[in-house]
């Protein structure tokens, strides 16, 4: 999930689309590669000195990733709750997800893949 202010998206729609497209391509790539292949292209320090555990963590977490970048409205609600827990800009705000959540960029990214 990408999180950006409306003003950023309004001023930088091409950047927002490029970021979304890159994430969708990455998600599709990991769907077609083994945990070992994924670990191989990641920076060595991500394994924290234990490549076997790192590979196992990739394997364990793969099902949590959207294969195409799309997610449900409920997932957006969950992300909002997480942001509200630690982001000072969100903690005291009331955000109407129906006015802020969009899948326009991810839909367009999937059309090109």
PDB file of N, CA and C in Angstrom:
ATOM      1  N   UNK A   1       0.841  -1.166   0.000  1.00  0.00           N
ATOM      2  CA  UNK A   1       0.000   0.000   0.000  1.00  0.00           C
ATOM      3  C   UNK A   1       0.887   1.230   0.000  1.00  0.00           C
ATOM      4  N   UNK A   2       0.553   2.153  -0.828  1.00  0.00           N
ATOM      5  CA  UNK A   2       1.220   3.440  -0.834  1.00  0.00           C
ATOM      6  C   UNK A   2       0.355   4.441  -0.089  1.00  0.00           C
ATOM      7  N   UNK A   3       1.024   5.309   0.615  1.00  0.00           N
ATOM      8  CA  UNK A   3       0.357   6.333   1.395  1.00  0.00           C
ATOM      9  C   UNK A   3       0.964   7.663   0.989  1.00  0.00           C
ATOM     10  N   UNK A   4       0.151   8.582   0.507  1.00  0.00           N
ATOM     11  CA  UNK A   4       0.638   9.895   0.098  1.00  0.00           C
ATOM     12  C   UNK A   4      -0.451  10.919   0.357  1.00  0.00           C
ATOM     13  N   UNK A   5      -0.019  12.141   0.560  1.00  0.00           N
ATOM     14  CA  UNK A   5      -1.004  13.207   0.740  1.00  0.00           C
ATOM     15  C   UNK A   5      -1.678  13.494  -0.595  1.00  0.00           C
ATOM     16  N   UNK A   6      -2.894  13.982  -0.515  1.00  0.00           N
ATOM     17  CA  UNK A   6      -3.622  14.324  -1.737  1.00  0.00           C
ATOM     18  C   UNK A   6      -2.886  15.387  -2.526  1.00  0.00           C
ATOM     19  N   UNK A   7      -2.266  16.333  -1.810  1.00  0.00           N
ATOM     20  CA  UNK A   7      -1.544  17.394  -2.520  1.00  0.00           C
ATOM     21  C   UNK A   7      -0.370  16.823  -3.311  1.00  0.00           C
ATOM     22  N   UNK A   8       0.324  15.819  -2.752  1.00  0.00           N
ATOM     23  CA  UNK A   8       1.417  15.187  -3.496  1.00  0.00           C
ATOM     24  C   UNK A   8       0.887  14.494  -4.745  1.00  0.00           C
ATOM     25  N   UNK A   9      -0.182  13.731  -4.583  1.00  0.00           N
ATOM     26  CA  UNK A   9      -0.756  12.999  -5.721  1.00  0.00           C
ATOM     27  C   UNK A   9      -1.248  13.977  -6.789  1.00  0.00           C
ATOM     28  N   UNK A  10      -1.893  15.052  -6.354  1.00  0.00           N
ATOM     29  CA  UNK A  10      -2.392  16.045  -7.307  1.00  0.00           C
ATOM     30  C   UNK A  10      -1.253  16.715  -8.079  1.00  0.00           C
ATOM     31  N   UNK A  11      -0.149  17.003  -7.389  1.00  0.00           N
ATOM     32  CA  UNK A  11       0.983  17.679  -8.024  1.00  0.00           C
ATOM     33  C   UNK A  11       1.876  16.723  -8.813  1.00  0.00           C
ATOM     34  N   UNK A  12       1.847  15.431  -8.449  1.00  0.00           N
ATOM     35  CA  UNK A  12       2.779  14.462  -9.031  1.00  0.00           C
ATOM     36  C   UNK A  12       2.086  13.178  -9.487  1.00  0.00           C
ATOM     37  N   UNK A  13       1.075  13.268 -10.329  1.00  0.00           N
ATOM     38  CA  UNK A  13       0.360  12.048 -10.713  1.00  0.00           C
ATOM     39  C   UNK A  13       1.242  11.046 -11.453  1.00  0.00           C
ATOM     40  N   UNK A  14       2.189  11.530 -12.247  1.00  0.00           N
ATOM     41  CA  UNK A  14       3.075  10.610 -12.968  1.00  0.00           C
ATOM     42  C   UNK A  14       3.993   9.872 -11.997  1.00  0.00           C
ATOM     43  N   UNK A  15       4.469  10.566 -10.981  1.00  0.00           N
ATOM     44  CA  UNK A  15       5.300   9.931  -9.964  1.00  0.00           C
ATOM     45  C   UNK A  15       4.490   8.911  -9.186  1.00  0.00           C
ATOM     46  N   UNK A  16       3.273   9.270  -8.800  1.00  0.00           N
ATOM     47  CA  UNK A  16       2.401   8.333  -8.082  1.00  0.00           C
ATOM     48  C   UNK A  16       2.155   7.088  -8.921  1.00  0.00           C
ATOM     49  N   UNK A  17       1.932   7.283 -10.219  1.00  0.00           N
ATOM     50  CA  UNK A  17       1.707   6.137 -11.096  1.00  0.00           C
ATOM     51  C   UNK A  17       2.967   5.306 -11.247  1.00  0.00           C
ATOM     52  N   UNK A  18       4.115   5.956 -11.391  1.00  0.00           N
ATOM     53  CA  UNK A  18       5.379   5.220 -11.538  1.00  0.00           C
ATOM     54  C   UNK A  18       5.684   4.398 -10.287  1.00  0.00           C
ATOM     55  N   UNK A  19       5.467   4.974  -9.119  1.00  0.00           N
ATOM     56  CA  UNK A  19       5.695   4.233  -7.872  1.00  0.00           C
ATOM     57  C   UNK A  19       4.758   3.029  -7.780  1.00  0.00           C
ATOM     58  N   UNK A  20       3.497   3.252  -8.100  1.00  0.00           N
ATOM     59  CA  UNK A  20       2.522   2.165  -8.048  1.00  0.00           C
ATOM     60  C   UNK A  20       2.878   1.073  -9.042  1.00  0.00           C
ATOM     61  N   UNK A  21       3.235   1.457 -10.252  1.00  0.00           N
ATOM     62  CA  UNK A  21       3.592   0.486 -11.282  1.00  0.00           C
ATOM     63  C   UNK A  21       4.811  -0.329 -10.850  1.00  0.00           C
ATOM     64  N   UNK A  22       5.801   0.331 -10.265  1.00  0.00           N
ATOM     65  CA  UNK A  22       6.992  -0.383  -9.795  1.00  0.00           C
ATOM     66  C   UNK A  22       6.629  -1.394  -8.708  1.00  0.00           C
ATOM     67  N   UNK A  23       5.771  -0.994  -7.783  1.00  0.00           N
ATOM     68  CA  UNK A  23       5.356  -1.922  -6.725  1.00  0.00           C
ATOM     69  C   UNK A  23       4.578  -3.102  -7.291  1.00  0.00           C
ATOM     70  N   UNK A  24       3.684  -2.846  -8.219  1.00  0.00           N
ATOM     71  CA  UNK A  24       2.913  -3.933  -8.826  1.00  0.00           C
ATOM     72  C   UNK A  24       3.845  -4.892  -9.567  1.00  0.00           C
ATOM     73  N   UNK A  25       4.795  -4.360 -10.296  1.00  0.00           N
ATOM     74  CA  UNK A  25       5.760  -5.226 -10.996  1.00  0.00           C
ATOM     75  C   UNK A  25       6.548  -6.065  -9.997  1.00  0.00           C
ATOM     76  N   UNK A  26       6.965  -5.444  -8.901  1.00  0.00           N
ATOM     77  CA  UNK A  26       7.689  -6.180  -7.867  1.00  0.00           C
ATOM     78  C   UNK A  26       6.843  -7.276  -7.251  1.00  0.00           C
ATOM     79  N   UNK A  27       5.587  -6.977  -6.965  1.00  0.00           N
ATOM     80  CA  UNK A  27       4.687  -7.987  -6.399  1.00  0.00           C
ATOM     81  C   UNK A  27       4.489  -9.149  -7.369  1.00  0.00           C
ATOM     82  N   UNK A  28       4.339  -8.838  -8.634  1.00  0.00           N
ATOM     83  CA  UNK A  28       4.175  -9.902  -9.629  1.00  0.00           C
ATOM     84  C   UNK A  28       5.463 -10.715  -9.765  1.00  0.00           C
ATOM     85  N   UNK A  29       6.607 -10.047  -9.655  1.00  0.00           N
ATOM     86  CA  UNK A  29       7.883 -10.741  -9.747  1.00  0.00           C
ATOM     87  C   UNK A  29       8.037 -11.740  -8.604  1.00  0.00           C
ATOM     88  N   UNK A  30       7.717 -11.319  -7.383  1.00  0.00           N
ATOM     89  CA  UNK A  30       7.900 -12.246  -6.253  1.00  0.00           C
ATOM     90  C   UNK A  30       6.941 -13.431  -6.320  1.00  0.00           C
ATOM     91  N   UNK A  31       5.825 -13.271  -7.028  1.00  0.00           N
ATOM     92  CA  UNK A  31       4.884 -14.392  -7.181  1.00  0.00           C
ATOM     93  C   UNK A  31       5.455 -15.495  -8.068  1.00  0.00           C
ATOM     94  N   UNK A  32       6.446 -15.152  -8.874  1.00  0.00           N
ATOM     95  CA  UNK A  32       6.992 -16.121  -9.832  1.00  0.00           C
ATOM     96  C   UNK A  32       8.417 -16.557  -9.488  1.00  0.00           C
ATOM     97  N   UNK A  33       8.869 -16.236  -8.292  1.00  0.00           N
ATOM     98  CA  UNK A  33      10.220 -16.596  -7.877  1.00  0.00           C
ATOM     99  C   UNK A  33      10.197 -17.258  -6.502  1.00  0.00           C
ATOM    100  N   UNK A  34      11.178 -18.091  -6.268  1.00  0.00           N
ATOM    101  CA  UNK A  34      11.274 -18.803  -4.995  1.00  0.00           C
ATOM    102  C   UNK A  34      11.808 -17.863  -3.915  1.00  0.00           C
ATOM    103  N   UNK A  35      11.574 -18.204  -2.659  1.00  0.00           N
ATOM    104  CA  UNK A  35      12.163 -17.409  -1.577  1.00  0.00           C
ATOM    105  C   UNK A  35      13.691 -17.296  -1.703  1.00  0.00           C
ATOM    106  N   UNK A  36      14.322 -18.352  -2.170  1.00  0.00           N
ATOM    107  CA  UNK A  36      15.777 -18.319  -2.359  1.00  0.00           C
ATOM    108  C   UNK A  36      16.171 -17.298  -3.427  1.00  0.00           C
ATOM    109  N   UNK A  37      15.400 -17.263  -4.524  1.00  0.00           N
ATOM    110  CA  UNK A  37      15.685 -16.297  -5.592  1.00  0.00           C
ATOM    111  C   UNK A  37      15.449 -14.859  -5.117  1.00  0.00           C
ATOM    112  N   UNK A  38      14.413 -14.676  -4.335  1.00  0.00           N
ATOM    113  CA  UNK A  38      14.115 -13.340  -3.790  1.00  0.00           C
ATOM    114  C   UNK A  38      15.245 -12.904  -2.871  1.00  0.00           C
ATOM    115  N   UNK A  39      15.659 -13.779  -1.975  1.00  0.00           N
ATOM    116  CA  UNK A  39      16.732 -13.446  -1.040  1.00  0.00           C
ATOM    117  C   UNK A  39      18.022 -13.106  -1.773  1.00  0.00           C
ATOM    118  N   UNK A  40      18.264 -13.777  -2.861  1.00  0.00           N
ATOM    119  CA  UNK A  40      19.510 -13.581  -3.620  1.00  0.00           C
ATOM    120  C   UNK A  40      19.628 -12.158  -4.173  1.00  0.00           C
ATOM    121  N   UNK A  41      18.511 -11.537  -4.529  1.00  0.00           N
ATOM    122  CA  UNK A  41      18.568 -10.196  -5.103  1.00  0.00           C
ATOM    123  C   UNK A  41      18.453  -9.087  -4.057  1.00  0.00           C
ATOM    124  N   UNK A  42      18.202  -9.457  -2.819  1.00  0.00           N
ATOM    125  CA  UNK A  42      18.084  -8.474  -1.745  1.00  0.00           C
ATOM    126  C   UNK A  42      19.460  -8.160  -1.169  1.00  0.00           C
ATOM    127  N   UNK A  43      19.619  -6.970  -0.568  1.00  0.00           N
ATOM    128  CA  UNK A  43      20.897  -6.656   0.074  1.00  0.00           C
ATOM    129  C   UNK A  43      21.235  -7.690   1.150  1.00  0.00           C
ATOM    130  N   UNK A  44      22.491  -8.105   1.200  1.00  0.00           N
ATOM    131  CA  UNK A  44      22.955  -9.138   2.135  1.00  0.00           C
ATOM    132  C   UNK A  44      22.612  -8.799   3.585  1.00  0.00           C
ATOM    133  N   UNK A  45      22.690  -7.518   3.940  1.00  0.00           N
ATOM    134  CA  UNK A  45      22.430  -7.140   5.335  1.00  0.00           C
ATOM    135  C   UNK A  45      20.986  -7.388   5.770  1.00  0.00           C
ATOM    136  N   UNK A  46      20.070  -7.546   4.833  1.00  0.00           N
ATOM    137  CA  UNK A  46      18.688  -7.856   5.196  1.00  0.00           C
ATOM    138  C   UNK A  46      18.582  -9.194   5.914  1.00  0.00           C
ATOM    139  N   UNK A  47      19.509 -10.103   5.635  1.00  0.00           N
ATOM    140  CA  UNK A  47      19.489 -11.433   6.266  1.00  0.00           C
ATOM    141  C   UNK A  47      20.001 -11.389   7.701  1.00  0.00           C
ATOM    142  N   UNK A  48      20.565 -10.280   8.124  1.00  0.00           N
ATOM    143  CA  UNK A  48      21.073 -10.122   9.491  1.00  0.00           C
ATOM    144  C   UNK A  48      21.987 -11.268   9.913  1.00  0.00           C
ATOM    145  N   UNK A  49      22.770 -11.742   8.952  1.00  0.00           N
ATOM    146  CA  UNK A  49      23.745 -12.777   9.258  1.00  0.00           C
ATOM    147  C   UNK A  49      23.206 -14.193   9.270  1.00  0.00           C
ATOM    148  N   UNK A  50      21.929 -14.373   8.971  1.00  0.00           N
ATOM    149  CA  UNK A  50      21.356 -15.718   8.973  1.00  0.00           C
ATOM    150  C   UNK A  50      20.458 -15.876   7.746  1.00  0.00           C
ATOM    151  N   UNK A  51      21.066 -16.286   6.655  1.00  0.00           N
ATOM    152  CA  UNK A  51      20.339 -16.379   5.388  1.00  0.00           C
ATOM    153  C   UNK A  51      19.218 -17.414   5.432  1.00  0.00           C
ATOM    154  N   UNK A  52      19.421 -18.522   6.152  1.00  0.00           N
ATOM    155  CA  UNK A  52      18.374 -19.557   6.215  1.00  0.00           C
ATOM    156  C   UNK A  52      17.107 -19.032   6.881  1.00  0.00           C
ATOM    157  N   UNK A  53      17.264 -18.296   7.978  1.00  0.00           N
ATOM    158  CA  UNK A  53      16.086 -17.729   8.648  1.00  0.00           C
ATOM    159  C   UNK A  53      15.449 -16.656   7.771  1.00  0.00           C
ATOM    160  N   UNK A  54      16.275 -15.881   7.096  1.00  0.00           N
ATOM    161  CA  UNK A  54      15.754 -14.850   6.194  1.00  0.00           C
ATOM    162  C   UNK A  54      14.916 -15.483   5.088  1.00  0.00           C
ATOM    163  N   UNK A  55      15.420 -16.534   4.482  1.00  0.00           N
ATOM    164  CA  UNK A  55      14.678 -17.227   3.421  1.00  0.00           C
ATOM    165  C   UNK A  55      13.370 -17.786   3.984  1.00  0.00           C
ATOM    166  N   UNK A  56      13.416 -18.340   5.178  1.00  0.00           N
ATOM    167  CA  UNK A  56      12.193 -18.872   5.797  1.00  0.00           C
ATOM    168  C   UNK A  56      11.195 -17.744   6.077  1.00  0.00           C
ATOM    169  N   UNK A  57      11.690 -16.575   6.488  1.00  0.00           N
ATOM    170  CA  UNK A  57      10.775 -15.456   6.745  1.00  0.00           C
ATOM    171  C   UNK A  57      10.120 -14.977   5.457  1.00  0.00           C
ATOM    172  N   UNK A  58      10.873 -15.000   4.366  1.00  0.00           N
ATOM    173  CA  UNK A  58      10.285 -14.642   3.064  1.00  0.00           C
ATOM    174  C   UNK A  58       9.182 -15.646   2.722  1.00  0.00           C
ATOM    175  N   UNK A  59       9.487 -16.918   2.859  1.00  0.00           N
ATOM    176  CA  UNK A  59       8.513 -17.970   2.539  1.00  0.00           C
ATOM    177  C   UNK A  59       7.249 -17.821   3.387  1.00  0.00           C
ATOM    178  N   UNK A  60       7.433 -17.554   4.665  1.00  0.00           N
ATOM    179  CA  UNK A  60       6.301 -17.427   5.586  1.00  0.00           C
ATOM    180  C   UNK A  60       5.437 -16.214   5.249  1.00  0.00           C
ATOM    181  N   UNK A  61       6.070 -15.141   4.795  1.00  0.00           N
ATOM    182  CA  UNK A  61       5.337 -13.898   4.553  1.00  0.00           C
ATOM    183  C   UNK A  61       4.791 -13.734   3.143  1.00  0.00           C
ATOM    184  N   UNK A  62       5.202 -14.547   2.203  1.00  0.00           N
ATOM    185  CA  UNK A  62       4.721 -14.407   0.829  1.00  0.00           C
ATOM    186  C   UNK A  62       3.199 -14.385   0.698  1.00  0.00           C
ATOM    187  N   UNK A  63       2.471 -15.228   1.434  1.00  0.00           N
ATOM    188  CA  UNK A  63       1.012 -15.194   1.286  1.00  0.00           C
ATOM    189  C   UNK A  63       0.368 -13.869   1.720  1.00  0.00           C
ATOM    190  N   UNK A  64       1.090 -13.071   2.483  1.00  0.00           N
ATOM    191  CA  UNK A  64       0.534 -11.796   2.946  1.00  0.00           C
ATOM    192  C   UNK A  64       0.563 -10.716   1.865  1.00  0.00           C
ATOM    193  N   UNK A  65       1.340 -10.943   0.817  1.00  0.00           N
ATOM    194  CA  UNK A  65       1.466  -9.938  -0.229  1.00  0.00           C
ATOM    195  C   UNK A  65       0.396 -10.117  -1.299  1.00  0.00           C
ATOM    196  N   UNK A  66      -0.185  -9.007  -1.703  1.00  0.00           N
ATOM    197  CA  UNK A  66      -1.149  -9.023  -2.790  1.00  0.00           C
ATOM    198  C   UNK A  66      -0.420  -9.386  -4.084  1.00  0.00           C
ATOM    199  N   UNK A  67      -0.948 -10.320  -4.855  1.00  0.00           N
ATOM    200  CA  UNK A  67      -0.269 -10.687  -6.100  1.00  0.00           C
ATOM    201  C   UNK A  67      -0.344  -9.606  -7.187  1.00  0.00           C
ATOM    202  N   UNK A  68      -1.259  -8.653  -7.048  1.00  0.00           N
ATOM    203  CA  UNK A  68      -1.419  -7.630  -8.079  1.00  0.00           C
ATOM    204  C   UNK A  68      -1.498  -6.207  -7.511  1.00  0.00           C
ATOM    205  N   UNK A  69      -1.251  -6.065  -6.213  1.00  0.00           N
ATOM    206  CA  UNK A  69      -1.271  -4.747  -5.591  1.00  0.00           C
ATOM    207  C   UNK A  69      -2.639  -4.295  -5.119  1.00  0.00           C
ATOM    208  N   UNK A  70      -3.668  -5.035  -5.456  1.00  0.00           N
ATOM    209  CA  UNK A  70      -5.017  -4.658  -5.035  1.00  0.00           C
ATOM    210  C   UNK A  70      -5.290  -5.180  -3.636  1.00  0.00           C
ATOM    211  N   UNK A  71      -6.149  -4.494  -2.914  1.00  0.00           N
ATOM    212  CA  UNK A  71      -6.567  -4.949  -1.605  1.00  0.00           C
ATOM    213  C   UNK A  71      -7.973  -4.444  -1.326  1.00  0.00           C
ATOM    214  N   UNK A  72      -8.595  -5.038  -0.345  1.00  0.00           N
ATOM    215  CA  UNK A  72      -9.988  -4.739  -0.043  1.00  0.00           C
ATOM    216  C   UNK A  72     -10.120  -3.444   0.755  1.00  0.00           C
ATOM    217  N   UNK A  73     -11.311  -2.945   0.825  1.00  0.00           N
ATOM    218  CA  UNK A  73     -11.618  -1.772   1.644  1.00  0.00           C
ATOM    219  C   UNK A  73     -11.270  -2.061   3.105  1.00  0.00           C
ATOM    220  N   UNK A  74     -11.508  -3.310   3.537  1.00  0.00           N
ATOM    221  CA  UNK A  74     -11.173  -3.690   4.911  1.00  0.00           C
ATOM    222  C   UNK A  74      -9.666  -3.584   5.157  1.00  0.00           C
ATOM    223  N   UNK A  75      -8.866  -3.930   4.162  1.00  0.00           N
ATOM    224  CA  UNK A  75      -7.416  -3.799   4.293  1.00  0.00           C
ATOM    225  C   UNK A  75      -7.023  -2.327   4.406  1.00  0.00           C
ATOM    226  N   UNK A  76      -7.711  -1.460   3.688  1.00  0.00           N
ATOM    227  CA  UNK A  76      -7.449  -0.026   3.805  1.00  0.00           C
ATOM    228  C   UNK A  76      -7.779   0.455   5.213  1.00  0.00           C
ATOM    229  N   UNK A  77      -8.862  -0.051   5.784  1.00  0.00           N
ATOM    230  CA  UNK A  77      -9.228   0.297   7.167  1.00  0.00           C
ATOM    231  C   UNK A  77      -8.138  -0.149   8.139  1.00  0.00           C
ATOM    232  N   UNK A  78      -7.599  -1.342   7.925  1.00  0.00           N
ATOM    233  CA  UNK A  78      -6.536  -1.846   8.782  1.00  0.00           C
ATOM    234  C   UNK A  78      -5.298  -0.962   8.675  1.00  0.00           C
ATOM    235  N   UNK A  79      -4.929  -0.590   7.463  1.00  0.00           N
ATOM    236  CA  UNK A  79      -3.769   0.288   7.262  1.00  0.00           C
ATOM    237  C   UNK A  79      -3.986   1.624   7.963  1.00  0.00           C
ATOM    238  N   UNK A  80      -5.188   2.133   7.888  1.00  0.00           N
ATOM    239  CA  UNK A  80      -5.520   3.393   8.570  1.00  0.00           C
ATOM    240  C   UNK A  80      -5.331   3.246  10.072  1.00  0.00           C
ATOM    241  N   UNK A  81      -5.788   2.149  10.634  1.00  0.00           N
ATOM    242  CA  UNK A  81      -5.627   1.918  12.073  1.00  0.00           C
ATOM    243  C   UNK A  81      -4.152   1.842  12.454  1.00  0.00           C
ATOM    244  N   UNK A  82      -3.351   1.201  11.626  1.00  0.00           N
ATOM    245  CA  UNK A  82      -1.913   1.104  11.897  1.00  0.00           C
ATOM    246  C   UNK A  82      -1.275   2.487  11.841  1.00  0.00           C
ATOM    247  N   UNK A  83      -1.581   3.253  10.791  1.00  0.00           N
ATOM    248  CA  UNK A  83      -1.030   4.604  10.681  1.00  0.00           C
ATOM    249  C   UNK A  83      -1.458   5.474  11.861  1.00  0.00           C
ATOM    250  N   UNK A  84      -2.695   5.322  12.264  1.00  0.00           N
ATOM    251  CA  UNK A  84      -3.220   6.106  13.380  1.00  0.00           C
ATOM    252  C   UNK A  84      -2.465   5.795  14.672  1.00  0.00           C
ATOM    253  N   UNK A  85      -1.940   4.584  14.775  1.00  0.00           N
ATOM    254  CA  UNK A  85      -1.231   4.183  15.985  1.00  0.00           C
ATOM    255  C   UNK A  85       0.147   4.827  16.110  1.00  0.00           C
ATOM    256  N   UNK A  86       0.775   5.205  14.990  1.00  0.00           N
ATOM    257  CA  UNK A  86       2.131   5.727  15.116  1.00  0.00           C
ATOM    258  C   UNK A  86       2.436   7.015  14.351  1.00  0.00           C
ATOM    259  N   UNK A  87       1.597   7.421  13.442  1.00  0.00           N
ATOM    260  CA  UNK A  87       1.863   8.623  12.651  1.00  0.00           C
ATOM    261  C   UNK A  87       1.181   9.825  13.315  1.00  0.00           C
ATOM    262  N   UNK A  88       1.962  10.775  13.816  1.00  0.00           N
ATOM    263  CA  UNK A  88       1.372  11.934  14.501  1.00  0.00           C
ATOM    264  C   UNK A  88       0.389  12.719  13.623  1.00  0.00           C
ATOM    265  N   UNK A  89       0.607  12.706  12.315  1.00  0.00           N
ATOM    266  CA  UNK A  89      -0.303  13.425  11.424  1.00  0.00           C
ATOM    267  C   UNK A  89      -1.652  12.728  11.288  1.00  0.00           C
ATOM    268  N   UNK A  90      -1.686  11.461  11.608  1.00  0.00           N
ATOM    269  CA  UNK A  90      -2.918  10.682  11.461  1.00  0.00           C
ATOM    270  C   UNK A  90      -3.581  10.441  12.818  1.00  0.00           C
ATOM    271  N   UNK A  91      -2.806  10.415  13.885  1.00  0.00           N
ATOM    272  CA  UNK A  91      -3.314  10.066  15.215  1.00  0.00           C
ATOM    273  C   UNK A  91      -4.550  10.850  15.618  1.00  0.00           C
ATOM    274  N   UNK A  92      -4.536  12.149  15.408  1.00  0.00           N
ATOM    275  CA  UNK A  92      -5.651  12.976  15.859  1.00  0.00           C
ATOM    276  C   UNK A  92      -6.583  13.390  14.732  1.00  0.00           C
ATOM    277  N   UNK A  93      -6.383  12.797  13.583  1.00  0.00           N
ATOM    278  CA  UNK A  93      -7.219  13.147  12.433  1.00  0.00           C
ATOM    279  C   UNK A  93      -8.363  12.159  12.271  1.00  0.00           C
ATOM    280  N   UNK A  94      -9.427  12.632  11.720  1.00  0.00           N
ATOM    281  CA  UNK A  94     -10.517  11.760  11.318  1.00  0.00           C
ATOM    282  C   UNK A  94     -10.485  11.728   9.791  1.00  0.00           C
ATOM    283  N   UNK A  95     -10.237  10.542   9.256  1.00  0.00           N
ATOM    284  CA  UNK A  95     -10.082  10.408   7.809  1.00  0.00           C
ATOM    285  C   UNK A  95     -11.200   9.539   7.258  1.00  0.00           C
ATOM    286  N   UNK A  96     -11.877  10.064   6.288  1.00  0.00           N
ATOM    287  CA  UNK A  96     -12.933   9.330   5.601  1.00  0.00           C
ATOM    288  C   UNK A  96     -12.298   8.591   4.429  1.00  0.00           C
ATOM    289  N   UNK A  97     -12.072   7.289   4.606  1.00  0.00           N
ATOM    290  CA  UNK A  97     -11.390   6.519   3.565  1.00  0.00           C
ATOM    291  C   UNK A  97     -12.129   6.534   2.235  1.00  0.00           C
ATOM    292  N   UNK A  98     -13.421   6.684   2.262  1.00  0.00           N
ATOM    293  CA  UNK A  98     -14.166   6.712   0.998  1.00  0.00           C
ATOM    294  C   UNK A  98     -13.785   7.929   0.161  1.00  0.00           C
ATOM    295  N   UNK A  99     -13.212   8.954   0.818  1.00  0.00           N
ATOM    296  CA  UNK A  99     -12.790  10.153   0.102  1.00  0.00           C
ATOM    297  C   UNK A  99     -11.286  10.170  -0.162  1.00  0.00           C
ATOM    298  N   UNK A 100     -10.558   9.236   0.428  1.00  0.00           N
ATOM    299  CA  UNK A 100      -9.099   9.281   0.298  1.00  0.00           C
ATOM    300  C   UNK A 100      -8.503   8.045  -0.347  1.00  0.00           C
ATOM    301  N   UNK A 101      -9.165   6.933  -0.280  1.00  0.00           N
ATOM    302  CA  UNK A 101      -8.651   5.677  -0.831  1.00  0.00           C
ATOM    303  C   UNK A 101      -9.007   5.586  -2.305  1.00  0.00           C
ATOM    304  N   UNK A 102      -8.026   5.201  -3.111  1.00  0.00           N
ATOM    305  CA  UNK A 102      -8.295   4.977  -4.532  1.00  0.00           C
ATOM    306  C   UNK A 102      -7.493   3.785  -5.033  1.00  0.00           C
ATOM    307  N   UNK A 103      -8.064   3.057  -5.946  1.00  0.00           N
ATOM    308  CA  UNK A 103      -7.326   1.971  -6.593  1.00  0.00           C
ATOM    309  C   UNK A 103      -7.057   2.305  -8.067  1.00  0.00           C
ATOM    310  N   UNK A 104      -7.239   3.569  -8.417  1.00  0.00           N
ATOM    311  CA  UNK A 104      -7.048   4.015  -9.795  1.00  0.00           C
ATOM    312  C   UNK A 104      -5.642   3.716 -10.302  1.00  0.00           C
ATOM    313  N   UNK A 105      -4.635   4.027  -9.497  1.00  0.00           N
ATOM    314  CA  UNK A 105      -3.248   3.834  -9.934  1.00  0.00           C
ATOM    315  C   UNK A 105      -2.903   2.361 -10.074  1.00  0.00           C
ATOM    316  N   UNK A 106      -3.359   1.541  -9.124  1.00  0.00           N
ATOM    317  CA  UNK A 106      -3.043   0.109  -9.194  1.00  0.00           C
ATOM    318  C   UNK A 106      -3.788  -0.555 -10.357  1.00  0.00           C
ATOM    319  N   UNK A 107      -4.991  -0.112 -10.623  1.00  0.00           N
ATOM    320  CA  UNK A 107      -5.736  -0.650 -11.771  1.00  0.00           C
ATOM    321  C   UNK A 107      -4.990  -0.336 -13.068  1.00  0.00           C
ATOM    322  N   UNK A 108      -4.535   0.896 -13.207  1.00  0.00           N
ATOM    323  CA  UNK A 108      -3.785   1.297 -14.405  1.00  0.00           C
ATOM    324  C   UNK A 108      -2.470   0.511 -14.493  1.00  0.00           C
ATOM    325  N   UNK A 109      -1.805   0.313 -13.360  1.00  0.00           N
ATOM    326  CA  UNK A 109      -0.547  -0.432 -13.364  1.00  0.00           C
ATOM    327  C   UNK A 109      -0.772  -1.862 -13.858  1.00  0.00           C
ATOM    328  N   UNK A 110      -1.871  -2.472 -13.478  1.00  0.00           N
ATOM    329  CA  UNK A 110      -2.162  -3.832 -13.894  1.00  0.00           C
ATOM    330  C   UNK A 110      -2.544  -3.921 -15.373  1.00  0.00           C
ATOM    331  N   UNK A 111      -3.066  -2.864 -15.939  1.00  0.00           N
ATOM    332  CA  UNK A 111      -3.398  -2.864 -17.361  1.00  0.00           C
ATOM    333  C   UNK A 111      -2.136  -2.948 -18.216  1.00  0.00           C
ATOM    334  N   UNK A 112      -1.045  -2.378 -17.708  1.00  0.00           N
ATOM    335  CA  UNK A 112       0.191  -2.357 -18.463  1.00  0.00           C
ATOM    336  C   UNK A 112       1.069  -3.554 -18.241  1.00  0.00           C
ATOM    337  N   UNK A 113       0.660  -4.471 -17.368  1.00  0.00           N
ATOM    338  CA  UNK A 113       1.504  -5.641 -17.037  1.00  0.00           C
ATOM    339  C   UNK A 113       0.926  -6.906 -17.600  1.00  0.00           C
TER     340      UNK A 113
END
